Amino acid sequence: MVEEPEASVRATQKNDDGRWYYVITMDGIEGSSVGPYDSEEEAVEAGRQKLVEDDVA
């Protein structure tokens, strides 16, 4: 039986530019920040879309 990876998306904001970035954590390993996006919602949605594209969600 193949176990599905556990993945989550969260948004972060860097203090120096005020823009939003998403970070995907998979099986407890945090990936790189990806962005920038204008809002927290845009960043989270982009991260979720990436999971769908990668067939993880």
PDB file of N, CA and C in Angstrom:
ATOM      1  N   MET A   1       0.833  -1.175   0.000  1.00  0.00           N
ATOM      2  CA  MET A   1       0.000   0.000   0.000  1.00  0.00           C
ATOM      3  C   MET A   1       0.880   1.242   0.000  1.00  0.00           C
ATOM      4  N   VAL A   2       0.559   2.190  -0.863  1.00  0.00           N
ATOM      5  CA  VAL A   2       1.326   3.425  -0.979  1.00  0.00           C
ATOM      6  C   VAL A   2       0.702   4.476  -0.072  1.00  0.00           C
ATOM      7  N   GLU A   3       1.531   5.081   0.754  1.00  0.00           N
ATOM      8  CA  GLU A   3       1.050   6.118   1.664  1.00  0.00           C
ATOM      9  C   GLU A   3       1.137   7.474   0.980  1.00  0.00           C
ATOM     10  N   GLU A   4       0.041   8.237   1.046  1.00  0.00           N
ATOM     11  CA  GLU A   4       0.010   9.569   0.448  1.00  0.00           C
ATOM     12  C   GLU A   4       0.873  10.531   1.265  1.00  0.00           C
ATOM     13  N   PRO A   5       1.607  11.413   0.607  1.00  0.00           N
ATOM     14  CA  PRO A   5       2.396  12.396   1.353  1.00  0.00           C
ATOM     15  C   PRO A   5       1.475  13.389   2.046  1.00  0.00           C
ATOM     16  N   GLU A   6       1.873  13.823   3.224  1.00  0.00           N
ATOM     17  CA  GLU A   6       1.117  14.836   3.945  1.00  0.00           C
ATOM     18  C   GLU A   6       1.687  16.197   3.569  1.00  0.00           C
ATOM     19  N   ALA A   7       0.828  17.046   2.989  1.00  0.00           N
ATOM     20  CA  ALA A   7       1.289  18.347   2.502  1.00  0.00           C
ATOM     21  C   ALA A   7       0.400  19.457   3.057  1.00  0.00           C
ATOM     22  N   SER A   8       1.017  20.608   3.310  1.00  0.00           N
ATOM     23  CA  SER A   8       0.264  21.785   3.739  1.00  0.00           C
ATOM     24  C   SER A   8       0.881  23.021   3.107  1.00  0.00           C
ATOM     25  N   VAL A   9       0.067  24.065   3.010  1.00  0.00           N
ATOM     26  CA  VAL A   9       0.514  25.331   2.431  1.00  0.00           C
ATOM     27  C   VAL A   9       0.277  26.423   3.470  1.00  0.00           C
ATOM     28  N   ARG A  10       1.250  27.303   3.619  1.00  0.00           N
ATOM     29  CA  ARG A  10       1.046  28.465   4.474  1.00  0.00           C
ATOM     30  C   ARG A  10       1.658  29.680   3.805  1.00  0.00           C
ATOM     31  N   ALA A  11       1.165  30.839   4.178  1.00  0.00           N
ATOM     32  CA  ALA A  11       1.673  32.084   3.611  1.00  0.00           C
ATOM     33  C   ALA A  11       2.554  32.778   4.636  1.00  0.00           C
ATOM     34  N   THR A  12       3.600  33.394   4.148  1.00  0.00           N
ATOM     35  CA  THR A  12       4.487  34.178   5.004  1.00  0.00           C
ATOM     36  C   THR A  12       4.692  35.539   4.362  1.00  0.00           C
ATOM     37  N   GLN A  13       5.073  36.487   5.180  1.00  0.00           N
ATOM     38  CA  GLN A  13       5.326  37.827   4.675  1.00  0.00           C
ATOM     39  C   GLN A  13       6.722  38.239   5.114  1.00  0.00           C
ATOM     40  N   LYS A  14       7.491  38.701   4.151  1.00  0.00           N
ATOM     41  CA  LYS A  14       8.833  39.164   4.466  1.00  0.00           C
ATOM     42  C   LYS A  14       8.752  40.629   4.875  1.00  0.00           C
ATOM     43  N   ASN A  15       9.441  40.985   5.936  1.00  0.00           N
ATOM     44  CA  ASN A  15       9.374  42.345   6.457  1.00  0.00           C
ATOM     45  C   ASN A  15       9.935  43.384   5.502  1.00  0.00           C
ATOM     46  N   ASP A  16      10.917  43.011   4.706  1.00  0.00           N
ATOM     47  CA  ASP A  16      11.587  43.999   3.871  1.00  0.00           C
ATOM     48  C   ASP A  16      10.787  44.428   2.647  1.00  0.00           C
ATOM     49  N   ASP A  17       9.812  43.616   2.197  1.00  0.00           N
ATOM     50  CA  ASP A  17       9.069  44.042   1.011  1.00  0.00           C
ATOM     51  C   ASP A  17       7.553  44.065   1.194  1.00  0.00           C
ATOM     52  N   GLY A  18       7.039  43.509   2.294  1.00  0.00           N
ATOM     53  CA  GLY A  18       5.610  43.548   2.548  1.00  0.00           C
ATOM     54  C   GLY A  18       4.770  42.666   1.639  1.00  0.00           C
ATOM     55  N   ARG A  19       5.392  41.886   0.788  1.00  0.00           N
ATOM     56  CA  ARG A  19       4.670  40.995  -0.134  1.00  0.00           C
ATOM     57  C   ARG A  19       4.527  39.626   0.517  1.00  0.00           C
ATOM     58  N   TRP A  20       3.658  38.802  -0.051  1.00  0.00           N
ATOM     59  CA  TRP A  20       3.353  37.486   0.494  1.00  0.00           C
ATOM     60  C   TRP A  20       3.986  36.378  -0.335  1.00  0.00           C
ATOM     61  N   TYR A  21       4.364  35.308   0.339  1.00  0.00           N
ATOM     62  CA  TYR A  21       5.012  34.152  -0.274  1.00  0.00           C
ATOM     63  C   TYR A  21       4.354  32.892   0.280  1.00  0.00           C
ATOM     64  N   TYR A  22       4.301  31.814  -0.513  1.00  0.00           N
ATOM     65  CA  TYR A  22       3.798  30.561   0.043  1.00  0.00           C
ATOM     66  C   TYR A  22       4.952  29.606   0.288  1.00  0.00           C
ATOM     67  N   VAL A  23       4.737  28.751   1.274  1.00  0.00           N
ATOM     68  CA  VAL A  23       5.696  27.715   1.626  1.00  0.00           C
ATOM     69  C   VAL A  23       4.918  26.411   1.721  1.00  0.00           C
ATOM     70  N   ILE A  24       5.383  25.397   1.014  1.00  0.00           N
ATOM     71  CA  ILE A  24       4.761  24.081   1.078  1.00  0.00           C
ATOM     72  C   ILE A  24       5.594  23.209   2.019  1.00  0.00           C
ATOM     73  N   THR A  25       4.904  22.586   2.956  1.00  0.00           N
ATOM     74  CA  THR A  25       5.547  21.632   3.858  1.00  0.00           C
ATOM     75  C   THR A  25       5.028  20.257   3.490  1.00  0.00           C
ATOM     76  N   MET A  26       5.947  19.345   3.200  1.00  0.00           N
ATOM     77  CA  MET A  26       5.562  17.999   2.794  1.00  0.00           C
ATOM     78  C   MET A  26       6.264  16.995   3.696  1.00  0.00           C
ATOM     79  N   ASP A  27       5.462  16.168   4.366  1.00  0.00           N
ATOM     80  CA  ASP A  27       5.984  15.158   5.285  1.00  0.00           C
ATOM     81  C   ASP A  27       6.942  15.772   6.304  1.00  0.00           C
ATOM     82  N   GLY A  28       6.589  16.958   6.796  1.00  0.00           N
ATOM     83  CA  GLY A  28       7.375  17.620   7.831  1.00  0.00           C
ATOM     84  C   GLY A  28       8.580  18.392   7.330  1.00  0.00           C
ATOM     85  N   ILE A  29       8.817  18.394   6.020  1.00  0.00           N
ATOM     86  CA  ILE A  29       9.968  19.105   5.449  1.00  0.00           C
ATOM     87  C   ILE A  29       9.465  20.363   4.757  1.00  0.00           C
ATOM     88  N   GLU A  30       9.945  21.499   5.221  1.00  0.00           N
ATOM     89  CA  GLU A  30       9.503  22.785   4.680  1.00  0.00           C
ATOM     90  C   GLU A  30      10.298  23.149   3.430  1.00  0.00           C
ATOM     91  N   GLY A  31       9.572  23.543   2.389  1.00  0.00           N
ATOM     92  CA  GLY A  31      10.205  23.947   1.140  1.00  0.00           C
ATOM     93  C   GLY A  31      10.590  25.420   1.153  1.00  0.00           C
ATOM     94  N   SER A  32      10.958  25.908   0.008  1.00  0.00           N
ATOM     95  CA  SER A  32      11.368  27.305  -0.154  1.00  0.00           C
ATOM     96  C   SER A  32      10.157  28.221  -0.255  1.00  0.00           C
ATOM     97  N   SER A  33      10.374  29.502   0.037  1.00  0.00           N
ATOM     98  CA  SER A  33       9.335  30.514  -0.158  1.00  0.00           C
ATOM     99  C   SER A  33       9.199  30.801  -1.642  1.00  0.00           C
ATOM    100  N   VAL A  34       7.947  30.866  -2.128  1.00  0.00           N
ATOM    101  CA  VAL A  34       7.683  31.135  -3.536  1.00  0.00           C
ATOM    102  C   VAL A  34       6.782  32.347  -3.631  1.00  0.00           C
ATOM    103  N   GLY A  35       7.116  33.264  -4.493  1.00  0.00           N
ATOM    104  CA  GLY A  35       6.303  34.469  -4.657  1.00  0.00           C
ATOM    105  C   GLY A  35       7.134  35.529  -5.331  1.00  0.00           C
ATOM    106  N   PRO A  36       6.772  36.725  -5.240  1.00  0.00           N
ATOM    107  CA  PRO A  36       5.821  37.346  -4.308  1.00  0.00           C
ATOM    108  C   PRO A  36       4.402  37.430  -4.875  1.00  0.00           C
ATOM    109  N   TYR A  37       3.450  37.590  -3.943  1.00  0.00           N
ATOM    110  CA  TYR A  37       2.038  37.793  -4.256  1.00  0.00           C
ATOM    111  C   TYR A  37       1.558  39.025  -3.490  1.00  0.00           C
ATOM    112  N   ASP A  38       0.493  39.636  -3.991  1.00  0.00           N
ATOM    113  CA  ASP A  38      -0.012  40.863  -3.383  1.00  0.00           C
ATOM    114  C   ASP A  38      -0.769  40.640  -2.085  1.00  0.00           C
ATOM    115  N   SER A  39      -1.350  39.443  -1.895  1.00  0.00           N
ATOM    116  CA  SER A  39      -2.134  39.205  -0.680  1.00  0.00           C
ATOM    117  C   SER A  39      -1.857  37.804  -0.147  1.00  0.00           C
ATOM    118  N   GLU A  40      -2.203  37.610   1.110  1.00  0.00           N
ATOM    119  CA  GLU A  40      -2.050  36.306   1.745  1.00  0.00           C
ATOM    120  C   GLU A  40      -2.903  35.262   1.021  1.00  0.00           C
ATOM    121  N   GLU A  41      -4.114  35.659   0.650  1.00  0.00           N
ATOM    122  CA  GLU A  41      -5.022  34.749  -0.034  1.00  0.00           C
ATOM    123  C   GLU A  41      -4.463  34.287  -1.376  1.00  0.00           C
ATOM    124  N   GLU A  42      -3.873  35.220  -2.129  1.00  0.00           N
ATOM    125  CA  GLU A  42      -3.267  34.865  -3.422  1.00  0.00           C
ATOM    126  C   GLU A  42      -2.124  33.872  -3.231  1.00  0.00           C
ATOM    127  N   ALA A  43      -1.313  34.093  -2.211  1.00  0.00           N
ATOM    128  CA  ALA A  43      -0.176  33.213  -1.962  1.00  0.00           C
ATOM    129  C   ALA A  43      -0.642  31.810  -1.606  1.00  0.00           C
ATOM    130  N   VAL A  44      -1.634  31.696  -0.717  1.00  0.00           N
ATOM    131  CA  VAL A  44      -2.138  30.380  -0.319  1.00  0.00           C
ATOM    132  C   VAL A  44      -2.773  29.674  -1.508  1.00  0.00           C
ATOM    133  N   GLU A  45      -3.561  30.395  -2.283  1.00  0.00           N
ATOM    134  CA  GLU A  45      -4.209  29.789  -3.452  1.00  0.00           C
ATOM    135  C   GLU A  45      -3.168  29.299  -4.460  1.00  0.00           C
ATOM    136  N   ALA A  46      -2.113  30.070  -4.689  1.00  0.00           N
ATOM    137  CA  ALA A  46      -1.058  29.656  -5.610  1.00  0.00           C
ATOM    138  C   ALA A  46      -0.366  28.389  -5.098  1.00  0.00           C
ATOM    139  N   GLY A  47      -0.146  28.310  -3.790  1.00  0.00           N
ATOM    140  CA  GLY A  47       0.457  27.116  -3.206  1.00  0.00           C
ATOM    141  C   GLY A  47      -0.437  25.908  -3.357  1.00  0.00           C
ATOM    142  N   ARG A  48      -1.733  26.085  -3.137  1.00  0.00           N
ATOM    143  CA  ARG A  48      -2.675  24.975  -3.314  1.00  0.00           C
ATOM    144  C   ARG A  48      -2.712  24.523  -4.771  1.00  0.00           C
ATOM    145  N   GLN A  49      -2.665  25.489  -5.683  1.00  0.00           N
ATOM    146  CA  GLN A  49      -2.666  25.164  -7.114  1.00  0.00           C
ATOM    147  C   GLN A  49      -1.421  24.360  -7.478  1.00  0.00           C
ATOM    148  N   LYS A  50      -0.297  24.712  -6.879  1.00  0.00           N
ATOM    149  CA  LYS A  50       0.949  23.978  -7.134  1.00  0.00           C
ATOM    150  C   LYS A  50       0.822  22.535  -6.665  1.00  0.00           C
ATOM    151  N   LEU A  51       0.172  22.323  -5.514  1.00  0.00           N
ATOM    152  CA  LEU A  51      -0.037  20.963  -5.027  1.00  0.00           C
ATOM    153  C   LEU A  51      -0.902  20.165  -6.004  1.00  0.00           C
ATOM    154  N   VAL A  52      -1.926  20.815  -6.558  1.00  0.00           N
ATOM    155  CA  VAL A  52      -2.798  20.148  -7.526  1.00  0.00           C
ATOM    156  C   VAL A  52      -1.993  19.798  -8.785  1.00  0.00           C
ATOM    157  N   GLU A  53      -1.207  20.747  -9.277  1.00  0.00           N
ATOM    158  CA  GLU A  53      -0.391  20.501 -10.471  1.00  0.00           C
ATOM    159  C   GLU A  53       0.577  19.341 -10.263  1.00  0.00           C
ATOM    160  N   ASP A  54       1.134  19.261  -9.051  1.00  0.00           N
ATOM    161  CA  ASP A  54       2.088  18.207  -8.745  1.00  0.00           C
ATOM    162  C   ASP A  54       1.396  16.918  -8.304  1.00  0.00           C
ATOM    163  N   ASP A  55       0.055  16.910  -8.351  1.00  0.00           N
ATOM    164  CA  ASP A  55      -0.768  15.752  -8.003  1.00  0.00           C
ATOM    165  C   ASP A  55      -0.529  15.294  -6.569  1.00  0.00           C
ATOM    166  N   VAL A  56      -0.390  16.262  -5.678  1.00  0.00           N
ATOM    167  CA  VAL A  56      -0.190  15.963  -4.259  1.00  0.00           C
ATOM    168  C   VAL A  56      -1.474  16.226  -3.478  1.00  0.00           C
ATOM    169  N   ALA A  57      -2.285  17.171  -3.955  1.00  0.00           N
ATOM    170  CA  ALA A  57      -3.501  17.538  -3.222  1.00  0.00           C
ATOM    171  C   ALA A  57      -4.641  16.588  -3.531  1.00  0.00           C
TER     172      ALA A  57
END
